[in-house]
C-alpha atoms as a PDB file:
ATOM      1  CA  MET A   1      16.808  -7.002   4.701  1.00  0.00           C
ATOM      2  CA  SER A   2      19.143  -4.160   3.898  1.00  0.00           C
ATOM      3  CA  HIS A   3      21.723  -4.469   1.147  1.00  0.00           C
ATOM      4  CA  PRO A   4      24.427  -1.947   0.348  1.00  0.00           C
ATOM      5  CA  LYS A   5      23.546   0.150  -2.673  1.00  0.00           C
ATOM      6  CA  ILE A   6      26.048  -0.359  -5.434  1.00  0.00           C
ATOM      7  CA  ASP A   7      27.770   2.712  -6.876  1.00  0.00           C
ATOM      8  CA  TYR A   8      27.376   2.506 -10.639  1.00  0.00           C
ATOM      9  CA  ARG A   9      30.881   3.960 -11.087  1.00  0.00           C
ATOM     10  CA  ASP A  10      32.277   0.728  -9.633  1.00  0.00           C
ATOM     11  CA  LEU A  11      30.810  -1.083 -12.639  1.00  0.00           C
ATOM     12  CA  ILE A  12      32.384   1.049 -15.371  1.00  0.00           C
ATOM     13  CA  PRO A  13      34.939  -1.308 -16.939  1.00  0.00           C
ATOM     14  CA  ASN A  14      37.857  -0.646 -19.225  1.00  0.00           C
ATOM     15  CA  ASP A  15      36.454  -3.225 -21.640  1.00  0.00           C
ATOM     16  CA  PRO A  16      32.971  -2.249 -22.916  1.00  0.00           C
ATOM     17  CA  ALA A  17      32.081  -5.913 -23.491  1.00  0.00           C
ATOM     18  CA  MET A  18      32.311  -6.529 -19.744  1.00  0.00           C
ATOM     19  CA  ILE A  19      29.419  -4.224 -18.777  1.00  0.00           C
ATOM     20  CA  VAL A  20      27.318  -5.744 -21.554  1.00  0.00           C
ATOM     21  CA  GLU A  21      27.986  -9.174 -20.025  1.00  0.00           C
ATOM     22  CA  ILE A  22      27.175  -7.908 -16.518  1.00  0.00           C
ATOM     23  CA  VAL A  23      23.805  -6.587 -17.742  1.00  0.00           C
ATOM     24  CA  ARG A  24      23.126  -9.811 -19.661  1.00  0.00           C
ATOM     25  CA  GLN A  25      23.757 -11.934 -16.579  1.00  0.00           C
ATOM     26  CA  ALA A  26      21.567  -9.701 -14.414  1.00  0.00           C
ATOM     27  CA  GLU A  27      18.739 -10.025 -16.923  1.00  0.00           C
ATOM     28  CA  GLU A  28      19.196 -13.819 -16.947  1.00  0.00           C
ATOM     29  CA  ARG A  29      18.925 -13.818 -13.170  1.00  0.00           C
ATOM     30  CA  PHE A  30      15.651 -11.896 -13.449  1.00  0.00           C
ATOM     31  CA  LYS A  31      14.296 -14.613 -15.729  1.00  0.00           C
ATOM     32  CA  MET A  32      15.239 -17.227 -13.138  1.00  0.00           C
ATOM     33  CA  GLN A  33      13.638 -15.205 -10.333  1.00  0.00           C
ATOM     34  CA  VAL A  34      10.391 -14.935 -12.273  1.00  0.00           C
ATOM     35  CA  GLN A  35      10.321 -18.711 -12.775  1.00  0.00           C
ATOM     36  CA  PHE A  36      10.948 -19.308  -9.067  1.00  0.00           C
ATOM     37  CA  ALA A  37       8.333 -16.742  -8.051  1.00  0.00           C
ATOM     38  CA  LEU A  38       5.701 -18.232 -10.354  1.00  0.00           C
ATOM     39  CA  ALA A  39       6.371 -21.740  -9.043  1.00  0.00           C
ATOM     40  CA  SER A  40       6.185 -20.480  -5.474  1.00  0.00           C
ATOM     41  CA  ASP A  41       2.913 -18.657  -6.143  1.00  0.00           C
ATOM     42  CA  ALA A  42       1.418 -21.784  -7.734  1.00  0.00           C
ATOM     43  CA  ARG A  43       2.496 -23.888  -4.744  1.00  0.00           C
ATOM     44  CA  ALA A  44       1.111 -21.401  -2.229  1.00  0.00           C
ATOM     45  CA  GLY A  45      -2.144 -21.053  -4.174  1.00  0.00           C
ATOM     46  CA  ALA A  46      -2.645 -24.817  -4.274  1.00  0.00           C
ATOM     47  CA  MET A  47      -1.865 -25.059  -0.572  1.00  0.00           C
ATOM     48  CA  ALA A  48      -4.315 -22.250   0.191  1.00  0.00           C
ATOM     49  CA  THR A  49      -7.091 -24.055  -1.653  1.00  0.00           C
ATOM     50  CA  TRP A  50      -6.379 -27.415  -0.048  1.00  0.00           C
ATOM     51  CA  THR A  51      -5.895 -26.141   3.500  1.00  0.00           C
ATOM     52  CA  SER A  52      -9.003 -23.954   3.334  1.00  0.00           C
ATOM     53  CA  ALA A  53     -11.063 -26.959   2.263  1.00  0.00           C
ATOM     54  CA  MET A  54      -9.564 -29.100   5.026  1.00  0.00           C
ATOM     55  CA  ALA A  55     -10.200 -26.416   7.654  1.00  0.00           C
ATOM     56  CA  GLY A  56     -13.805 -26.049   6.546  1.00  0.00           C
ATOM     57  CA  GLY A  57     -14.315 -29.817   6.483  1.00  0.00           C
ATOM     58  CA  PHE A  58     -13.009 -30.324   9.995  1.00  0.00           C
ATOM     59  CA  VAL A  59     -15.037 -27.436  11.411  1.00  0.00           C
ATOM     60  CA  ILE A  60     -18.210 -28.706   9.704  1.00  0.00           C
ATOM     61  CA  ALA A  61     -17.520 -32.189  11.081  1.00  0.00           C
ATOM     62  CA  ALA A  62     -17.005 -30.766  14.570  1.00  0.00           C
ATOM     63  CA  MET A  63     -20.280 -28.852  14.380  1.00  0.00           C
ATOM     64  CA  GLY A  64     -22.105 -31.978  13.220  1.00  0.00           C
ATOM     65  CA  THR A  65     -22.711 -35.166  15.181  1.00  0.00           C
ATOM     66  CA  LEU A  66     -19.273 -35.442  16.787  1.00  0.00           C
ATOM     67  CA  SER A  67     -19.029 -35.071  20.535  1.00  0.00           C
ATOM     68  CA  GLY A  68     -16.463 -35.029  23.338  1.00  0.00           C
ATOM     69  CA  GLY A  69     -12.836 -35.521  22.375  1.00  0.00           C
ATOM     70  CA  ALA A  70     -13.649 -36.173  18.718  1.00  0.00           C
ATOM     71  CA  LYS A  71     -15.396 -32.804  18.476  1.00  0.00           C
ATOM     72  CA  VAL A  72     -12.478 -30.990  20.129  1.00  0.00           C
ATOM     73  CA  GLY A  73      -9.961 -32.894  17.981  1.00  0.00           C
ATOM     74  CA  ALA A  74     -11.827 -31.974  14.795  1.00  0.00           C
ATOM     75  CA  LEU A  75     -11.987 -28.314  15.878  1.00  0.00           C
ATOM     76  CA  ALA A  76      -8.256 -28.350  16.663  1.00  0.00           C
ATOM     77  CA  ALA A  77      -7.521 -29.819  13.225  1.00  0.00           C
ATOM     78  CA  GLY A  78      -9.795 -27.224  11.623  1.00  0.00           C
ATOM     79  CA  LEU A  79      -8.026 -24.383  13.431  1.00  0.00           C
ATOM     80  CA  THR A  80      -4.578 -25.739  12.553  1.00  0.00           C
ATOM     81  CA  PHE A  81      -5.536 -26.090   8.893  1.00  0.00           C
ATOM     82  CA  GLY A  82      -7.120 -22.624   9.095  1.00  0.00           C
ATOM     83  CA  LEU A  83      -3.778 -21.240  10.250  1.00  0.00           C
ATOM     84  CA  ALA A  84      -2.059 -23.089   7.394  1.00  0.00           C
ATOM     85  CA  ALA A  85      -4.605 -21.580   4.993  1.00  0.00           C
ATOM     86  CA  PHE A  86      -3.879 -18.080   6.298  1.00  0.00           C
ATOM     87  CA  CYS A  87      -0.117 -18.579   5.912  1.00  0.00           C
ATOM     88  CA  SER A  88      -0.420 -19.948   2.374  1.00  0.00           C
ATOM     89  CA  ILE A  89      -2.893 -17.240   1.327  1.00  0.00           C
ATOM     90  CA  TRP A  90      -0.478 -14.618   2.644  1.00  0.00           C
ATOM     91  CA  ALA A  91       2.396 -16.283   0.748  1.00  0.00           C
ATOM     92  CA  ALA A  92       0.317 -16.211  -2.463  1.00  0.00           C
ATOM     93  CA  ARG A  93      -0.703 -12.550  -2.147  1.00  0.00           C
ATOM     94  CA  PRO A  94       0.387 -10.148  -4.879  1.00  0.00           C
ATOM     95  CA  ILE A  95       3.676  -8.422  -4.136  1.00  0.00           C
ATOM     96  CA  SER A  96       5.670  -5.789  -5.963  1.00  0.00           C
ATOM     97  CA  PHE A  97       8.403  -7.340  -8.038  1.00  0.00           C
ATOM     98  CA  GLY A  98      11.224  -5.576  -9.853  1.00  0.00           C
ATOM     99  CA  CYS A  99      11.630  -6.316 -13.535  1.00  0.00           C
ATOM    100  CA  ILE A 100      14.123  -5.814 -16.320  1.00  0.00           C
ATOM    101  CA  GLY A 101      14.001  -2.816 -18.577  1.00  0.00           C
ATOM    102  CA  THR A 102      13.435   0.855 -17.990  1.00  0.00           C
ATOM    103  CA  LEU A 103      10.968   3.442 -19.144  1.00  0.00           C
ATOM    104  CA  PRO A 104      12.220   5.594 -22.007  1.00  0.00           C
ATOM    105  CA  ASN A 105      11.867   8.726 -19.845  1.00  0.00           C
ATOM    106  CA  GLY A 106      14.575   7.256 -17.594  1.00  0.00           C
ATOM    107  CA  TRP A 107      17.086   7.815 -20.373  1.00  0.00           C
ATOM    108  CA  VAL A 108      16.341  11.486 -21.059  1.00  0.00           C
ATOM    109  CA  ASP A 109      19.053  12.830 -18.739  1.00  0.00           C
ATOM    110  CA  VAL A 110      21.533  10.253 -20.038  1.00  0.00           C
ATOM    111  CA  VAL A 111      20.957  11.407 -23.609  1.00  0.00           C
ATOM    112  CA  ARG A 112      20.926  15.129 -22.694  1.00  0.00           C
ATOM    113  CA  ASP A 113      24.193  14.779 -20.763  1.00  0.00           C
ATOM    114  CA  ASN A 114      25.734  12.874 -23.668  1.00  0.00           C
ATOM    115  CA  GLU A 115      26.764  10.134 -21.251  1.00  0.00           C
ATOM    116  CA  LYS A 116      29.006   7.362 -22.548  1.00  0.00           C
ATOM    117  CA  LEU A 117      27.366   4.010 -23.173  1.00  0.00           C
ATOM    118  CA  ASN A 118      29.611   2.317 -20.587  1.00  0.00           C
ATOM    119  CA  GLU A 119      28.428   4.752 -17.922  1.00  0.00           C
ATOM    120  CA  SER A 120      24.742   4.418 -18.765  1.00  0.00           C
ATOM    121  CA  LEU A 121      24.975   0.609 -18.856  1.00  0.00           C
ATOM    122  CA  ALA A 122      26.751   0.680 -15.504  1.00  0.00           C
ATOM    123  CA  GLY A 123      23.912   2.787 -14.114  1.00  0.00           C
ATOM    124  CA  TYR A 124      21.391   0.308 -15.531  1.00  0.00           C
ATOM    125  CA  ALA A 125      23.331  -2.599 -14.006  1.00  0.00           C
ATOM    126  CA  ALA A 126      23.207  -0.883 -10.598  1.00  0.00           C
ATOM    127  CA  HIS A 127      19.459  -0.344 -11.104  1.00  0.00           C
ATOM    128  CA  LEU A 128      19.031  -4.061 -11.875  1.00  0.00           C
ATOM    129  CA  ASP A 129      21.107  -4.997  -8.845  1.00  0.00           C
ATOM    130  CA  GLY A 130      18.738  -3.123  -6.537  1.00  0.00           C
ATOM    131  CA  HIS A 131      15.686  -4.835  -8.027  1.00  0.00           C
ATOM    132  CA  LEU A 132      17.291  -8.286  -7.931  1.00  0.00           C
ATOM    133  CA  LEU A 133      18.167  -7.953  -4.253  1.00  0.00           C
ATOM    134  CA  ALA A 134      14.711  -6.621  -3.353  1.00  0.00           C
ATOM    135  CA  ASN A 135      13.069  -9.495  -5.262  1.00  0.00           C
ATOM    136  CA  GLU A 136      15.176 -12.031  -3.374  1.00  0.00           C
ATOM    137  CA  ASP A 137      14.154 -10.494  -0.047  1.00  0.00           C
ATOM    138  CA  ARG A 138      10.465 -10.637  -1.007  1.00  0.00           C
ATOM    139  CA  MET A 139      10.756 -14.236  -2.175  1.00  0.00           C
ATOM    140  CA  LYS A 140      12.524 -15.253   1.057  1.00  0.00           C
ATOM    141  CA  LEU A 141       9.746 -13.682   3.123  1.00  0.00           C
ATOM    142  CA  ASN A 142       7.029 -15.414   1.111  1.00  0.00           C
ATOM    143  CA  GLY A 143       8.979 -18.668   1.386  1.00  0.00           C
ATOM    144  CA  SER A 144       8.854 -18.307   5.176  1.00  0.00           C
ATOM    145  CA  TRP A 145       5.051 -18.031   5.026  1.00  0.00           C
ATOM    146  CA  THR A 146       4.854 -21.115   2.806  1.00  0.00           C
ATOM    147  CA  ARG A 147       7.079 -23.082   5.209  1.00  0.00           C
ATOM    148  CA  GLY A 148       4.844 -21.920   8.071  1.00  0.00           C
ATOM    149  CA  ALA A 149       1.820 -23.308   6.235  1.00  0.00           C
ATOM    150  CA  MET A 150       3.610 -26.601   5.664  1.00  0.00           C
ATOM    151  CA  TRP A 151       4.560 -26.787   9.333  1.00  0.00           C
ATOM    152  CA  CYS A 152       0.910 -26.251  10.345  1.00  0.00           C
ATOM    153  CA  MET A 153      -0.217 -28.986   7.948  1.00  0.00           C
ATOM    154  CA  PHE A 154       2.398 -31.343   9.377  1.00  0.00           C
ATOM    155  CA  MET A 155       1.394 -30.555  12.960  1.00  0.00           C
ATOM    156  CA  SER A 156      -2.373 -30.767  12.427  1.00  0.00           C
ATOM    157  CA  PRO A 157      -2.790 -34.512  13.133  1.00  0.00           C
ATOM    158  CA  PHE A 158      -0.686 -34.260  16.283  1.00  0.00           C
ATOM    159  CA  VAL A 159      -2.541 -31.173  17.539  1.00  0.00           C
ATOM    160  CA  SER A 160      -5.843 -32.842  16.758  1.00  0.00           C
ATOM    161  CA  LEU A 161      -4.901 -36.057  18.532  1.00  0.00           C
ATOM    162  CA  ALA A 162      -3.556 -34.223  21.572  1.00  0.00           C
ATOM    163  CA  ALA A 163      -6.723 -32.096  21.832  1.00  0.00           C
ATOM    164  CA  ALA A 164      -8.953 -35.164  21.424  1.00  0.00           C
ATOM    165  CA  LEU A 165      -7.088 -37.085  24.154  1.00  0.00           C
ATOM    166  CA  LEU A 166      -7.078 -34.123  26.540  1.00  0.00           C
ATOM    167  CA  PHE A 167     -10.808 -33.564  26.233  1.00  0.00           C
ATOM    168  CA  ALA A 168     -11.969 -37.186  25.872  1.00  0.00           C
END
C-alpha cells in the first residue's frame, strides 16, 4: 500500500515542545505495534503447529485402513488443514520491521550543517512516520494470511464431509 511521504518541514512547529510530543507519540505507537506484531506471530506460530499436526494426522489416517468416502474425506481434511498450515506458516515468517531510533551516523550531516533541534526532530518524526506506515502495511498483510488459515480451519469439516459424501 502506498502512503504519501511526509515532508519534514510540515512538522517544524513554532513551539519546540510540540515536535517533542509528536516524536514521543510516534515512539509510543511503535511500542504498541511491536506488542501487536508479537501477539500475531505467537498466534500464527501456534496455528502453524496445530494445523500441520492435523494435516499430517488426517493424511496418515487416509493412508491407513480407511476406504471409500472416509478415505477421500480424510484426505480432503488433510489438504484443507495443509493449506491452513501453509497460510499460518507464511503469516509467522520473519519480516522486516521498522523500529525507533537511528544510527549515530545518521546525525552527522545534521551536526555538520548546524541544523536546529526543531528541524532535526521534525526529520526524525518524518522518518518514524514512514516506518510506522510500512509496519502497518506488513501487519495487515500478515493478518490476511492468518485469517486465510482460520478460514481453512473453519471450512475443513465441511470440505471433508462433502468429499466423503461425493465419493461414498
